[in-house]
Amino acid sequence: LPDGKPLVLVYDTLSAADYRERDEVMKKNLDAIGIKLELRIGKWP
């Protein structure tokens, strides 16, 4: 972050295979610009 603190994006998602593949694309996209993405797996409801 501009103040020097860690920049970590936390994204809530599901464990299903189709979600994993979409999340993988997103993570690679953000890796490419140097932003760390943390995927937090949960249940939709």
PDB file of all heavy atoms in Angstrom:
ATOM      1  N   LEU A   1       0.844  -1.190   0.000  1.00  0.00           N
ATOM      2  CA  LEU A   1       0.000   0.000   0.000  1.00  0.00           C
ATOM      3  C   LEU A   1       0.884   1.245   0.000  1.00  0.00           C
ATOM      4  O   LEU A   1       2.076   1.168   0.340  1.00  0.00           O
ATOM      5  CB  LEU A   1      -0.903  -0.001   1.230  1.00  0.00           C
ATOM      6  CG  LEU A   1      -1.990  -1.096   1.265  1.00  0.00           C
ATOM      7  CD1 LEU A   1      -2.576  -1.209   2.669  1.00  0.00           C
ATOM      8  CD2 LEU A   1      -3.078  -0.795   0.249  1.00  0.00           C
ATOM      9  N   PRO A   2       0.340   2.387  -0.365  1.00  0.00           N
ATOM     10  CA  PRO A   2       1.154   3.615  -0.366  1.00  0.00           C
ATOM     11  C   PRO A   2       1.827   3.897   0.973  1.00  0.00           C
ATOM     12  O   PRO A   2       2.918   4.484   0.999  1.00  0.00           O
ATOM     13  CB  PRO A   2       0.136   4.697  -0.726  1.00  0.00           C
ATOM     14  CG  PRO A   2      -0.885   3.995  -1.552  1.00  0.00           C
ATOM     15  CD  PRO A   2      -0.990   2.628  -0.943  1.00  0.00           C
ATOM     16  N   ASP A   3       1.225   3.468   2.088  1.00  0.00           N
ATOM     17  CA  ASP A   3       1.837   3.720   3.401  1.00  0.00           C
ATOM     18  C   ASP A   3       2.826   2.629   3.805  1.00  0.00           C
ATOM     19  O   ASP A   3       3.346   2.624   4.923  1.00  0.00           O
ATOM     20  CB  ASP A   3       0.768   3.878   4.478  1.00  0.00           C
ATOM     21  CG  ASP A   3      -0.081   2.619   4.665  1.00  0.00           C
ATOM     22  OD1 ASP A   3       0.227   1.581   4.030  1.00  0.00           O
ATOM     23  OD2 ASP A   3      -1.050   2.671   5.440  1.00  0.00           O
ATOM     24  N   GLY A   4       3.095   1.687   2.921  1.00  0.00           N
ATOM     25  CA  GLY A   4       4.070   0.642   3.186  1.00  0.00           C
ATOM     26  C   GLY A   4       3.506  -0.629   3.785  1.00  0.00           C
ATOM     27  O   GLY A   4       4.211  -1.636   3.901  1.00  0.00           O
ATOM     28  N   LYS A   5       2.235  -0.632   4.180  1.00  0.00           N
ATOM     29  CA  LYS A   5       1.627  -1.834   4.737  1.00  0.00           C
ATOM     30  C   LYS A   5       1.372  -2.858   3.625  1.00  0.00           C
ATOM     31  O   LYS A   5       1.251  -2.499   2.447  1.00  0.00           O
ATOM     32  CB  LYS A   5       0.321  -1.483   5.452  1.00  0.00           C
ATOM     33  CG  LYS A   5       0.521  -0.631   6.692  1.00  0.00           C
ATOM     34  CD  LYS A   5      -0.823  -0.289   7.333  1.00  0.00           C
ATOM     35  CE  LYS A   5      -0.621   0.593   8.567  1.00  0.00           C
ATOM     36  NZ  LYS A   5      -1.909   0.991   9.185  1.00  0.00           N
ATOM     37  N   PRO A   6       1.257  -4.149   3.977  1.00  0.00           N
ATOM     38  CA  PRO A   6       1.039  -5.175   2.954  1.00  0.00           C
ATOM     39  C   PRO A   6      -0.253  -4.939   2.173  1.00  0.00           C
ATOM     40  O   PRO A   6      -1.266  -4.505   2.739  1.00  0.00           O
ATOM     41  CB  PRO A   6       0.956  -6.470   3.767  1.00  0.00           C
ATOM     42  CG  PRO A   6       1.673  -6.174   5.044  1.00  0.00           C
ATOM     43  CD  PRO A   6       1.412  -4.723   5.328  1.00  0.00           C
ATOM     44  N   LEU A   7      -0.199  -5.220   0.891  1.00  0.00           N
ATOM     45  CA  LEU A   7      -1.375  -5.156   0.038  1.00  0.00           C
ATOM     46  C   LEU A   7      -1.789  -6.594  -0.291  1.00  0.00           C
ATOM     47  O   LEU A   7      -1.136  -7.265  -1.105  1.00  0.00           O
ATOM     48  CB  LEU A   7      -1.078  -4.390  -1.257  1.00  0.00           C
ATOM     49  CG  LEU A   7      -2.161  -4.424  -2.340  1.00  0.00           C
ATOM     50  CD1 LEU A   7      -3.503  -3.924  -1.809  1.00  0.00           C
ATOM     51  CD2 LEU A   7      -1.725  -3.622  -3.566  1.00  0.00           C
ATOM     52  N   VAL A   8      -2.825  -7.067   0.373  1.00  0.00           N
ATOM     53  CA  VAL A   8      -3.326  -8.419   0.150  1.00  0.00           C
ATOM     54  C   VAL A   8      -4.830  -8.332  -0.101  1.00  0.00           C
ATOM     55  O   VAL A   8      -5.574  -7.791   0.729  1.00  0.00           O
ATOM     56  CB  VAL A   8      -3.056  -9.338   1.358  1.00  0.00           C
ATOM     57  CG1 VAL A   8      -3.593 -10.746   1.085  1.00  0.00           C
ATOM     58  CG2 VAL A   8      -1.567  -9.396   1.666  1.00  0.00           C
ATOM     59  N   LEU A   9      -5.273  -8.851  -1.225  1.00  0.00           N
ATOM     60  CA  LEU A   9      -6.699  -8.902  -1.538  1.00  0.00           C
ATOM     61  C   LEU A   9      -7.244 -10.255  -1.106  1.00  0.00           C
ATOM     62  O   LEU A   9      -6.677 -11.308  -1.438  1.00  0.00           O
ATOM     63  CB  LEU A   9      -6.925  -8.706  -3.036  1.00  0.00           C
ATOM     64  CG  LEU A   9      -6.353  -7.427  -3.658  1.00  0.00           C
ATOM     65  CD1 LEU A   9      -6.807  -7.305  -5.108  1.00  0.00           C
ATOM     66  CD2 LEU A   9      -6.752  -6.187  -2.862  1.00  0.00           C
ATOM     67  N   VAL A  10      -8.316 -10.242  -0.340  1.00  0.00           N
ATOM     68  CA  VAL A  10      -8.936 -11.475   0.146  1.00  0.00           C
ATOM     69  C   VAL A  10     -10.246 -11.679  -0.612  1.00  0.00           C
ATOM     70  O   VAL A  10     -11.161 -10.852  -0.532  1.00  0.00           O
ATOM     71  CB  VAL A  10      -9.199 -11.414   1.662  1.00  0.00           C
ATOM     72  CG1 VAL A  10      -9.842 -12.713   2.137  1.00  0.00           C
ATOM     73  CG2 VAL A  10      -7.904 -11.139   2.414  1.00  0.00           C
ATOM     74  N   TYR A  11     -10.310 -12.775  -1.335  1.00  0.00           N
ATOM     75  CA  TYR A  11     -11.447 -13.057  -2.205  1.00  0.00           C
ATOM     76  C   TYR A  11     -12.140 -14.327  -1.751  1.00  0.00           C
ATOM     77  O   TYR A  11     -11.520 -15.388  -1.668  1.00  0.00           O
ATOM     78  CB  TYR A  11     -10.954 -13.206  -3.645  1.00  0.00           C
ATOM     79  CG  TYR A  11     -12.013 -13.579  -4.647  1.00  0.00           C
ATOM     80  CD1 TYR A  11     -13.043 -12.698  -4.945  1.00  0.00           C
ATOM     81  CD2 TYR A  11     -11.972 -14.801  -5.313  1.00  0.00           C
ATOM     82  CE1 TYR A  11     -14.011 -13.026  -5.884  1.00  0.00           C
ATOM     83  CE2 TYR A  11     -12.935 -15.140  -6.250  1.00  0.00           C
ATOM     84  CZ  TYR A  11     -13.950 -14.251  -6.529  1.00  0.00           C
ATOM     85  OH  TYR A  11     -14.916 -14.586  -7.458  1.00  0.00           O
ATOM     86  N   ASP A  12     -13.419 -14.224  -1.401  1.00  0.00           N
ATOM     87  CA  ASP A  12     -14.184 -15.390  -0.964  1.00  0.00           C
ATOM     88  C   ASP A  12     -14.710 -16.144  -2.178  1.00  0.00           C
ATOM     89  O   ASP A  12     -15.275 -15.548  -3.103  1.00  0.00           O
ATOM     90  CB  ASP A  12     -15.334 -14.952  -0.066  1.00  0.00           C
ATOM     91  CG  ASP A  12     -14.855 -14.627   1.333  1.00  0.00           C
ATOM     92  OD1 ASP A  12     -14.327 -13.508   1.538  1.00  0.00           O
ATOM     93  OD2 ASP A  12     -14.969 -15.495   2.202  1.00  0.00           O
ATOM     94  N   THR A  13     -14.539 -17.469  -2.158  1.00  0.00           N
ATOM     95  CA  THR A  13     -14.905 -18.271  -3.311  1.00  0.00           C
ATOM     96  C   THR A  13     -15.313 -19.666  -2.863  1.00  0.00           C
ATOM     97  O   THR A  13     -15.388 -19.949  -1.665  1.00  0.00           O
ATOM     98  CB  THR A  13     -13.727 -18.331  -4.303  1.00  0.00           C
ATOM     99  OG1 THR A  13     -14.137 -19.014  -5.494  1.00  0.00           O
ATOM    100  CG2 THR A  13     -12.524 -19.040  -3.701  1.00  0.00           C
ATOM    101  N   LEU A  14     -15.594 -20.543  -3.831  1.00  0.00           N
ATOM    102  CA  LEU A  14     -16.023 -21.907  -3.560  1.00  0.00           C
ATOM    103  C   LEU A  14     -14.941 -22.891  -3.995  1.00  0.00           C
ATOM    104  O   LEU A  14     -14.044 -22.542  -4.767  1.00  0.00           O
ATOM    105  CB  LEU A  14     -17.338 -22.214  -4.290  1.00  0.00           C
ATOM    106  CG  LEU A  14     -18.508 -21.281  -3.999  1.00  0.00           C
ATOM    107  CD1 LEU A  14     -19.732 -21.682  -4.814  1.00  0.00           C
ATOM    108  CD2 LEU A  14     -18.850 -21.274  -2.515  1.00  0.00           C
ATOM    109  N   SER A  15     -15.066 -24.124  -3.548  1.00  0.00           N
ATOM    110  CA  SER A  15     -14.042 -25.126  -3.836  1.00  0.00           C
ATOM    111  C   SER A  15     -14.305 -25.909  -5.111  1.00  0.00           C
ATOM    112  O   SER A  15     -13.462 -26.699  -5.535  1.00  0.00           O
ATOM    113  CB  SER A  15     -13.935 -26.109  -2.664  1.00  0.00           C
ATOM    114  OG  SER A  15     -15.166 -26.802  -2.483  1.00  0.00           O
ATOM    115  N   ALA A  16     -15.460 -25.724  -5.754  1.00  0.00           N
ATOM    116  CA  ALA A  16     -15.813 -26.495  -6.939  1.00  0.00           C
ATOM    117  C   ALA A  16     -14.790 -26.272  -8.052  1.00  0.00           C
ATOM    118  O   ALA A  16     -14.177 -25.205  -8.158  1.00  0.00           O
ATOM    119  CB  ALA A  16     -17.206 -26.120  -7.420  1.00  0.00           C
ATOM    120  N   ALA A  17     -14.651 -27.282  -8.919  1.00  0.00           N
ATOM    121  CA  ALA A  17     -13.608 -27.245  -9.949  1.00  0.00           C
ATOM    122  C   ALA A  17     -13.766 -26.071 -10.897  1.00  0.00           C
ATOM    123  O   ALA A  17     -12.768 -25.450 -11.296  1.00  0.00           O
ATOM    124  CB  ALA A  17     -13.619 -28.560 -10.727  1.00  0.00           C
ATOM    125  N   ASP A  18     -14.998 -25.746 -11.294  1.00  0.00           N
ATOM    126  CA  ASP A  18     -15.171 -24.628 -12.221  1.00  0.00           C
ATOM    127  C   ASP A  18     -14.775 -23.305 -11.570  1.00  0.00           C
ATOM    128  O   ASP A  18     -14.192 -22.428 -12.229  1.00  0.00           O
ATOM    129  CB  ASP A  18     -16.604 -24.572 -12.766  1.00  0.00           C
ATOM    130  CG  ASP A  18     -17.665 -24.668 -11.680  1.00  0.00           C
ATOM    131  OD1 ASP A  18     -17.328 -24.969 -10.518  1.00  0.00           O
ATOM    132  OD2 ASP A  18     -18.848 -24.437 -11.998  1.00  0.00           O
ATOM    133  N   TYR A  19     -15.055 -23.157 -10.280  1.00  0.00           N
ATOM    134  CA  TYR A  19     -14.616 -21.948  -9.576  1.00  0.00           C
ATOM    135  C   TYR A  19     -13.092 -21.913  -9.497  1.00  0.00           C
ATOM    136  O   TYR A  19     -12.478 -20.856  -9.658  1.00  0.00           O
ATOM    137  CB  TYR A  19     -15.216 -21.898  -8.166  1.00  0.00           C
ATOM    138  CG  TYR A  19     -16.617 -21.341  -8.127  1.00  0.00           C
ATOM    139  CD1 TYR A  19     -17.704 -22.141  -8.467  1.00  0.00           C
ATOM    140  CD2 TYR A  19     -16.867 -20.031  -7.749  1.00  0.00           C
ATOM    141  CE1 TYR A  19     -18.995 -21.647  -8.440  1.00  0.00           C
ATOM    142  CE2 TYR A  19     -18.148 -19.522  -7.711  1.00  0.00           C
ATOM    143  CZ  TYR A  19     -19.210 -20.337  -8.063  1.00  0.00           C
ATOM    144  OH  TYR A  19     -20.490 -19.826  -8.034  1.00  0.00           O
ATOM    145  N   ARG A  20     -12.486 -23.056  -9.237  1.00  0.00           N
ATOM    146  CA  ARG A  20     -11.028 -23.095  -9.118  1.00  0.00           C
ATOM    147  C   ARG A  20     -10.357 -22.648 -10.417  1.00  0.00           C
ATOM    148  O   ARG A  20      -9.363 -21.921 -10.391  1.00  0.00           O
ATOM    149  CB  ARG A  20     -10.555 -24.510  -8.753  1.00  0.00           C
ATOM    150  CG  ARG A  20     -10.898 -24.936  -7.341  1.00  0.00           C
ATOM    151  CD  ARG A  20     -10.058 -26.121  -6.885  1.00  0.00           C
ATOM    152  NE  ARG A  20     -10.250 -27.286  -7.734  1.00  0.00           N
ATOM    153  CZ  ARG A  20     -11.163 -28.232  -7.523  1.00  0.00           C
ATOM    154  NH1 ARG A  20     -12.016 -28.102  -6.502  1.00  0.00           N
ATOM    155  NH2 ARG A  20     -11.252 -29.293  -8.306  1.00  0.00           N
ATOM    156  N   GLU A  21     -10.916 -23.062 -11.536  1.00  0.00           N
ATOM    157  CA  GLU A  21     -10.301 -22.687 -12.811  1.00  0.00           C
ATOM    158  C   GLU A  21     -10.446 -21.194 -13.082  1.00  0.00           C
ATOM    159  O   GLU A  21      -9.518 -20.549 -13.565  1.00  0.00           O
ATOM    160  CB  GLU A  21     -10.908 -23.517 -13.945  1.00  0.00           C
ATOM    161  CG  GLU A  21     -10.555 -24.987 -13.841  1.00  0.00           C
ATOM    162  CD  GLU A  21     -10.743 -25.711 -15.158  1.00  0.00           C
ATOM    163  OE1 GLU A  21     -10.615 -25.080 -16.217  1.00  0.00           O
ATOM    164  OE2 GLU A  21     -11.015 -26.928 -15.129  1.00  0.00           O
ATOM    165  N   ARG A  22     -11.594 -20.638 -12.774  1.00  0.00           N
ATOM    166  CA  ARG A  22     -11.766 -19.188 -12.959  1.00  0.00           C
ATOM    167  C   ARG A  22     -10.862 -18.424 -11.991  1.00  0.00           C
ATOM    168  O   ARG A  22     -10.275 -17.396 -12.355  1.00  0.00           O
ATOM    169  CB  ARG A  22     -13.237 -18.810 -12.758  1.00  0.00           C
ATOM    170  CG  ARG A  22     -14.151 -19.302 -13.865  1.00  0.00           C
ATOM    171  CD  ARG A  22     -15.505 -18.620 -13.830  1.00  0.00           C
ATOM    172  NE  ARG A  22     -16.293 -18.963 -12.652  1.00  0.00           N
ATOM    173  CZ  ARG A  22     -17.204 -19.931 -12.615  1.00  0.00           C
ATOM    174  NH1 ARG A  22     -17.416 -20.680 -13.679  1.00  0.00           N
ATOM    175  NH2 ARG A  22     -17.898 -20.153 -11.523  1.00  0.00           N
ATOM    176  N   ASP A  23     -10.771 -18.914 -10.764  1.00  0.00           N
ATOM    177  CA  ASP A  23      -9.919 -18.247  -9.770  1.00  0.00           C
ATOM    178  C   ASP A  23      -8.446 -18.313 -10.169  1.00  0.00           C
ATOM    179  O   ASP A  23      -7.672 -17.385  -9.899  1.00  0.00           O
ATOM    180  CB  ASP A  23     -10.118 -18.877  -8.389  1.00  0.00           C
ATOM    181  CG  ASP A  23     -11.518 -18.648  -7.833  1.00  0.00           C
ATOM    182  OD1 ASP A  23     -12.215 -17.765  -8.353  1.00  0.00           O
ATOM    183  OD2 ASP A  23     -11.901 -19.358  -6.881  1.00  0.00           O
ATOM    184  N   GLU A  24      -8.057 -19.402 -10.808  1.00  0.00           N
ATOM    185  CA  GLU A  24      -6.673 -19.531 -11.249  1.00  0.00           C
ATOM    186  C   GLU A  24      -6.322 -18.480 -12.292  1.00  0.00           C
ATOM    187  O   GLU A  24      -5.239 -17.886 -12.260  1.00  0.00           O
ATOM    188  CB  GLU A  24      -6.440 -20.936 -11.820  1.00  0.00           C
ATOM    189  CG  GLU A  24      -4.998 -21.193 -12.231  1.00  0.00           C
ATOM    190  CD  GLU A  24      -4.791 -22.590 -12.774  1.00  0.00           C
ATOM    191  OE1 GLU A  24      -5.625 -23.471 -12.483  1.00  0.00           O
ATOM    192  OE2 GLU A  24      -3.799 -22.811 -13.488  1.00  0.00           O
ATOM    193  N   VAL A  25      -7.257 -18.230 -13.214  1.00  0.00           N
ATOM    194  CA  VAL A  25      -7.041 -17.171 -14.204  1.00  0.00           C
ATOM    195  C   VAL A  25      -6.897 -15.826 -13.513  1.00  0.00           C
ATOM    196  O   VAL A  25      -5.988 -15.039 -13.811  1.00  0.00           O
ATOM    197  CB  VAL A  25      -8.193 -17.135 -15.233  1.00  0.00           C
ATOM    198  CG1 VAL A  25      -8.101 -15.883 -16.111  1.00  0.00           C
ATOM    199  CG2 VAL A  25      -8.184 -18.391 -16.102  1.00  0.00           C
ATOM    200  N   MET A  26      -7.787 -15.543 -12.565  1.00  0.00           N
ATOM    201  CA  MET A  26      -7.733 -14.265 -11.860  1.00  0.00           C
ATOM    202  C   MET A  26      -6.426 -14.124 -11.086  1.00  0.00           C
ATOM    203  O   MET A  26      -5.802 -13.054 -11.094  1.00  0.00           O
ATOM    204  CB  MET A  26      -8.930 -14.140 -10.917  1.00  0.00           C
ATOM    205  CG  MET A  26      -8.939 -12.848 -10.103  1.00  0.00           C
ATOM    206  SD  MET A  26     -10.465 -12.579  -9.173  1.00  0.00           S
ATOM    207  CE  MET A  26     -10.435 -13.977  -8.061  1.00  0.00           C
ATOM    208  N   LYS A  27      -6.010 -15.186 -10.415  1.00  0.00           N
ATOM    209  CA  LYS A  27      -4.776 -15.106  -9.628  1.00  0.00           C
ATOM    210  C   LYS A  27      -3.571 -14.853 -10.529  1.00  0.00           C
ATOM    211  O   LYS A  27      -2.691 -14.039 -10.202  1.00  0.00           O
ATOM    212  CB  LYS A  27      -4.567 -16.386  -8.820  1.00  0.00           C
ATOM    213  CG  LYS A  27      -3.444 -16.269  -7.790  1.00  0.00           C
ATOM    214  CD  LYS A  27      -3.360 -17.462  -6.883  1.00  0.00           C
ATOM    215  CE  LYS A  27      -2.382 -17.214  -5.748  1.00  0.00           C
ATOM    216  NZ  LYS A  27      -1.108 -16.615  -6.167  1.00  0.00           N
ATOM    217  N   LYS A  28      -3.515 -15.522 -11.668  1.00  0.00           N
ATOM    218  CA  LYS A  28      -2.412 -15.288 -12.600  1.00  0.00           C
ATOM    219  C   LYS A  28      -2.438 -13.850 -13.117  1.00  0.00           C
ATOM    220  O   LYS A  28      -1.382 -13.221 -13.279  1.00  0.00           O
ATOM    221  CB  LYS A  28      -2.486 -16.270 -13.765  1.00  0.00           C
ATOM    222  CG  LYS A  28      -2.077 -17.689 -13.393  1.00  0.00           C
ATOM    223  CD  LYS A  28      -2.141 -18.610 -14.596  1.00  0.00           C
ATOM    224  CE  LYS A  28      -1.668 -20.011 -14.238  1.00  0.00           C
ATOM    225  NZ  LYS A  28      -1.760 -20.941 -15.408  1.00  0.00           N
ATOM    226  N   ASN A  29      -3.619 -13.337 -13.382  1.00  0.00           N
ATOM    227  CA  ASN A  29      -3.747 -11.951 -13.830  1.00  0.00           C
ATOM    228  C   ASN A  29      -3.201 -10.980 -12.795  1.00  0.00           C
ATOM    229  O   ASN A  29      -2.485 -10.026 -13.130  1.00  0.00           O
ATOM    230  CB  ASN A  29      -5.210 -11.613 -14.121  1.00  0.00           C
ATOM    231  CG  ASN A  29      -5.762 -12.258 -15.381  1.00  0.00           C
ATOM    232  OD1 ASN A  29      -6.968 -12.327 -15.556  1.00  0.00           O
ATOM    233  ND2 ASN A  29      -4.903 -12.738 -16.266  1.00  0.00           N
ATOM    234  N   LEU A  30      -3.511 -11.209 -11.511  1.00  0.00           N
ATOM    235  CA  LEU A  30      -3.059 -10.302 -10.462  1.00  0.00           C
ATOM    236  C   LEU A  30      -1.591 -10.532 -10.116  1.00  0.00           C
ATOM    237  O   LEU A  30      -0.876  -9.580  -9.771  1.00  0.00           O
ATOM    238  CB  LEU A  30      -3.944 -10.437  -9.227  1.00  0.00           C
ATOM    239  CG  LEU A  30      -5.411 -10.020  -9.435  1.00  0.00           C
ATOM    240  CD1 LEU A  30      -6.173 -10.048  -8.124  1.00  0.00           C
ATOM    241  CD2 LEU A  30      -5.520  -8.642 -10.068  1.00  0.00           C
ATOM    242  N   ASP A  31      -1.129 -11.769 -10.212  1.00  0.00           N
ATOM    243  CA  ASP A  31       0.306 -12.025 -10.041  1.00  0.00           C
ATOM    244  C   ASP A  31       1.113 -11.197 -11.041  1.00  0.00           C
ATOM    245  O   ASP A  31       2.191 -10.677 -10.720  1.00  0.00           O
ATOM    246  CB  ASP A  31       0.629 -13.509 -10.275  1.00  0.00           C
ATOM    247  CG  ASP A  31       0.202 -14.395  -9.094  1.00  0.00           C
ATOM    248  OD1 ASP A  31      -0.185 -13.839  -8.041  1.00  0.00           O
ATOM    249  OD2 ASP A  31       0.258 -15.629  -9.243  1.00  0.00           O
ATOM    250  N   ALA A  32       0.571 -11.075 -12.249  1.00  0.00           N
ATOM    251  CA  ALA A  32       1.291 -10.387 -13.319  1.00  0.00           C
ATOM    252  C   ALA A  32       1.502  -8.901 -13.032  1.00  0.00           C
ATOM    253  O   ALA A  32       2.401  -8.281 -13.605  1.00  0.00           O
ATOM    254  CB  ALA A  32       0.550 -10.560 -14.645  1.00  0.00           C
ATOM    255  N   ILE A  33       0.679  -8.327 -12.150  1.00  0.00           N
ATOM    256  CA  ILE A  33       0.874  -6.909 -11.804  1.00  0.00           C
ATOM    257  C   ILE A  33       1.392  -6.752 -10.376  1.00  0.00           C
ATOM    258  O   ILE A  33       1.421  -5.646  -9.838  1.00  0.00           O
ATOM    259  CB  ILE A  33      -0.423  -6.092 -12.013  1.00  0.00           C
ATOM    260  CG1 ILE A  33      -1.556  -6.596 -11.110  1.00  0.00           C
ATOM    261  CG2 ILE A  33      -0.839  -6.086 -13.477  1.00  0.00           C
ATOM    262  CD1 ILE A  33      -2.773  -5.676 -11.084  1.00  0.00           C
ATOM    263  N   GLY A  34       1.782  -7.869  -9.758  1.00  0.00           N
ATOM    264  CA  GLY A  34       2.416  -7.797  -8.443  1.00  0.00           C
ATOM    265  C   GLY A  34       1.474  -7.623  -7.276  1.00  0.00           C
ATOM    266  O   GLY A  34       1.876  -7.140  -6.212  1.00  0.00           O
ATOM    267  N   ILE A  35       0.209  -8.031  -7.430  1.00  0.00           N
ATOM    268  CA  ILE A  35      -0.756  -7.937  -6.322  1.00  0.00           C
ATOM    269  C   ILE A  35      -1.039  -9.339  -5.797  1.00  0.00           C
ATOM    270  O   ILE A  35      -1.390 -10.248  -6.554  1.00  0.00           O
ATOM    271  CB  ILE A  35      -2.052  -7.251  -6.761  1.00  0.00           C
ATOM    272  CG1 ILE A  35      -1.800  -5.765  -6.998  1.00  0.00           C
ATOM    273  CG2 ILE A  35      -3.146  -7.431  -5.713  1.00  0.00           C
ATOM    274  CD1 ILE A  35      -3.034  -4.974  -7.372  1.00  0.00           C
ATOM    275  N   LYS A  36      -0.881  -9.501  -4.495  1.00  0.00           N
ATOM    276  CA  LYS A  36      -1.086 -10.799  -3.857  1.00  0.00           C
ATOM    277  C   LYS A  36      -2.583 -11.017  -3.624  1.00  0.00           C
ATOM    278  O   LYS A  36      -3.267 -10.154  -3.070  1.00  0.00           O
ATOM    279  CB  LYS A  36      -0.325 -10.871  -2.534  1.00  0.00           C
ATOM    280  CG  LYS A  36      -0.403 -12.236  -1.843  1.00  0.00           C
ATOM    281  CD  LYS A  36       0.379 -12.258  -0.538  1.00  0.00           C
ATOM    282  CE  LYS A  36       1.864 -12.157  -0.807  1.00  0.00           C
ATOM    283  NZ  LYS A  36       2.659 -12.339   0.450  1.00  0.00           N
ATOM    284  N   LEU A  37      -3.069 -12.194  -4.044  1.00  0.00           N
ATOM    285  CA  LEU A  37      -4.475 -12.549  -3.884  1.00  0.00           C
ATOM    286  C   LEU A  37      -4.588 -13.765  -2.979  1.00  0.00           C
ATOM    287  O   LEU A  37      -3.952 -14.787  -3.213  1.00  0.00           O
ATOM    288  CB  LEU A  37      -5.115 -12.858  -5.240  1.00  0.00           C
ATOM    289  CG  LEU A  37      -6.585 -13.306  -5.213  1.00  0.00           C
ATOM    290  CD1 LEU A  37      -7.481 -12.154  -4.780  1.00  0.00           C
ATOM    291  CD2 LEU A  37      -7.013 -13.848  -6.576  1.00  0.00           C
ATOM    292  N   GLU A  38      -5.410 -13.650  -1.946  1.00  0.00           N
ATOM    293  CA  GLU A  38      -5.663 -14.772  -1.029  1.00  0.00           C
ATOM    294  C   GLU A  38      -7.074 -15.277  -1.275  1.00  0.00           C
ATOM    295  O   GLU A  38      -8.046 -14.511  -1.198  1.00  0.00           O
ATOM    296  CB  GLU A  38      -5.511 -14.306   0.414  1.00  0.00           C
ATOM    297  CG  GLU A  38      -5.815 -15.377   1.451  1.00  0.00           C
ATOM    298  CD  GLU A  38      -5.712 -14.841   2.866  1.00  0.00           C
ATOM    299  OE1 GLU A  38      -4.690 -14.177   3.172  1.00  0.00           O
ATOM    300  OE2 GLU A  38      -6.649 -15.070   3.664  1.00  0.00           O
ATOM    301  N   LEU A  39      -7.197 -16.565  -1.585  1.00  0.00           N
ATOM    302  CA  LEU A  39      -8.495 -17.175  -1.838  1.00  0.00           C
ATOM    303  C   LEU A  39      -9.005 -17.812  -0.552  1.00  0.00           C
ATOM    304  O   LEU A  39      -8.325 -18.648   0.049  1.00  0.00           O
ATOM    305  CB  LEU A  39      -8.380 -18.233  -2.940  1.00  0.00           C
ATOM    306  CG  LEU A  39      -7.898 -17.720  -4.305  1.00  0.00           C
ATOM    307  CD1 LEU A  39      -7.683 -18.880  -5.259  1.00  0.00           C
ATOM    308  CD2 LEU A  39      -8.880 -16.716  -4.888  1.00  0.00           C
ATOM    309  N   ARG A  40     -10.189 -17.424  -0.141  1.00  0.00           N
ATOM    310  CA  ARG A  40     -10.781 -17.953   1.091  1.00  0.00           C
ATOM    311  C   ARG A  40     -11.986 -18.817   0.706  1.00  0.00           C
ATOM    312  O   ARG A  40     -12.987 -18.310   0.203  1.00  0.00           O
ATOM    313  CB  ARG A  40     -11.185 -16.814   2.015  1.00  0.00           C
ATOM    314  CG  ARG A  40     -11.639 -17.280   3.396  1.00  0.00           C
ATOM    315  CD  ARG A  40     -11.639 -16.132   4.384  1.00  0.00           C
ATOM    316  NE  ARG A  40     -12.529 -15.042   3.998  1.00  0.00           N
ATOM    317  CZ  ARG A  40     -12.586 -13.856   4.613  1.00  0.00           C
ATOM    318  NH1 ARG A  40     -11.765 -13.611   5.625  1.00  0.00           N
ATOM    319  NH2 ARG A  40     -13.433 -12.927   4.212  1.00  0.00           N
ATOM    320  N   ILE A  41     -11.875 -20.120   0.947  1.00  0.00           N
ATOM    321  CA  ILE A  41     -12.900 -21.073   0.521  1.00  0.00           C
ATOM    322  C   ILE A  41     -14.013 -21.159   1.562  1.00  0.00           C
ATOM    323  O   ILE A  41     -13.749 -21.197   2.764  1.00  0.00           O
ATOM    324  CB  ILE A  41     -12.298 -22.474   0.306  1.00  0.00           C
ATOM    325  CG1 ILE A  41     -11.080 -22.400  -0.630  1.00  0.00           C
ATOM    326  CG2 ILE A  41     -13.340 -23.433  -0.246  1.00  0.00           C
ATOM    327  CD1 ILE A  41     -11.388 -21.879  -2.001  1.00  0.00           C
ATOM    328  N   GLY A  42     -15.241 -21.183   1.086  1.00  0.00           N
ATOM    329  CA  GLY A  42     -16.373 -21.297   1.999  1.00  0.00           C
ATOM    330  C   GLY A  42     -17.575 -21.907   1.310  1.00  0.00           C
ATOM    331  O   GLY A  42     -17.476 -22.471   0.213  1.00  0.00           O
ATOM    332  N   LYS A  43     -18.746 -21.795   1.943  1.00  0.00           N
ATOM    333  CA  LYS A  43     -20.009 -22.281   1.409  1.00  0.00           C
ATOM    334  C   LYS A  43     -20.852 -21.100   0.949  1.00  0.00           C
ATOM    335  O   LYS A  43     -20.901 -20.051   1.613  1.00  0.00           O
ATOM    336  CB  LYS A  43     -20.780 -23.080   2.470  1.00  0.00           C
ATOM    337  CG  LYS A  43     -20.089 -24.385   2.874  1.00  0.00           C
ATOM    338  CD  LYS A  43     -20.133 -25.400   1.742  1.00  0.00           C
ATOM    339  CE  LYS A  43     -19.584 -26.739   2.187  1.00  0.00           C
ATOM    340  NZ  LYS A  43     -19.609 -27.743   1.093  1.00  0.00           N
ATOM    341  N   TRP A  44     -21.544 -21.286  -0.162  1.00  0.00           N
ATOM    342  CA  TRP A  44     -22.247 -20.164  -0.778  1.00  0.00           C
ATOM    343  C   TRP A  44     -23.307 -19.523   0.133  1.00  0.00           C
ATOM    344  O   TRP A  44     -23.343 -18.292   0.250  1.00  0.00           O
ATOM    345  CB  TRP A  44     -22.887 -20.614  -2.099  1.00  0.00           C
ATOM    346  CG  TRP A  44     -23.295 -19.464  -2.954  1.00  0.00           C
ATOM    347  CD1 TRP A  44     -22.535 -18.810  -3.867  1.00  0.00           C
ATOM    348  CD2 TRP A  44     -24.576 -18.803  -2.959  1.00  0.00           C
ATOM    349  NE1 TRP A  44     -23.249 -17.788  -4.443  1.00  0.00           N
ATOM    350  CE2 TRP A  44     -24.504 -17.765  -3.907  1.00  0.00           C
ATOM    351  CE3 TRP A  44     -25.757 -18.989  -2.252  1.00  0.00           C
ATOM    352  CZ2 TRP A  44     -25.577 -16.921  -4.165  1.00  0.00           C
ATOM    353  CZ3 TRP A  44     -26.830 -18.146  -2.510  1.00  0.00           C
ATOM    354  CH2 TRP A  44     -26.731 -17.130  -3.455  1.00  0.00           C
ATOM    355  N   PRO A  45     -24.181 -20.275   0.796  1.00  0.00           N
ATOM    356  CA  PRO A  45     -25.189 -19.614   1.643  1.00  0.00           C
ATOM    357  C   PRO A  45     -24.568 -18.734   2.732  1.00  0.00           C
ATOM    358  O   PRO A  45     -25.059 -17.635   3.010  1.00  0.00           O
ATOM    359  CB  PRO A  45     -25.973 -20.784   2.233  1.00  0.00           C
ATOM    360  CG  PRO A  45     -25.806 -21.888   1.250  1.00  0.00           C
ATOM    361  CD  PRO A  45     -24.400 -21.732   0.750  1.00  0.00           C
TER     362      PRO A  45
END
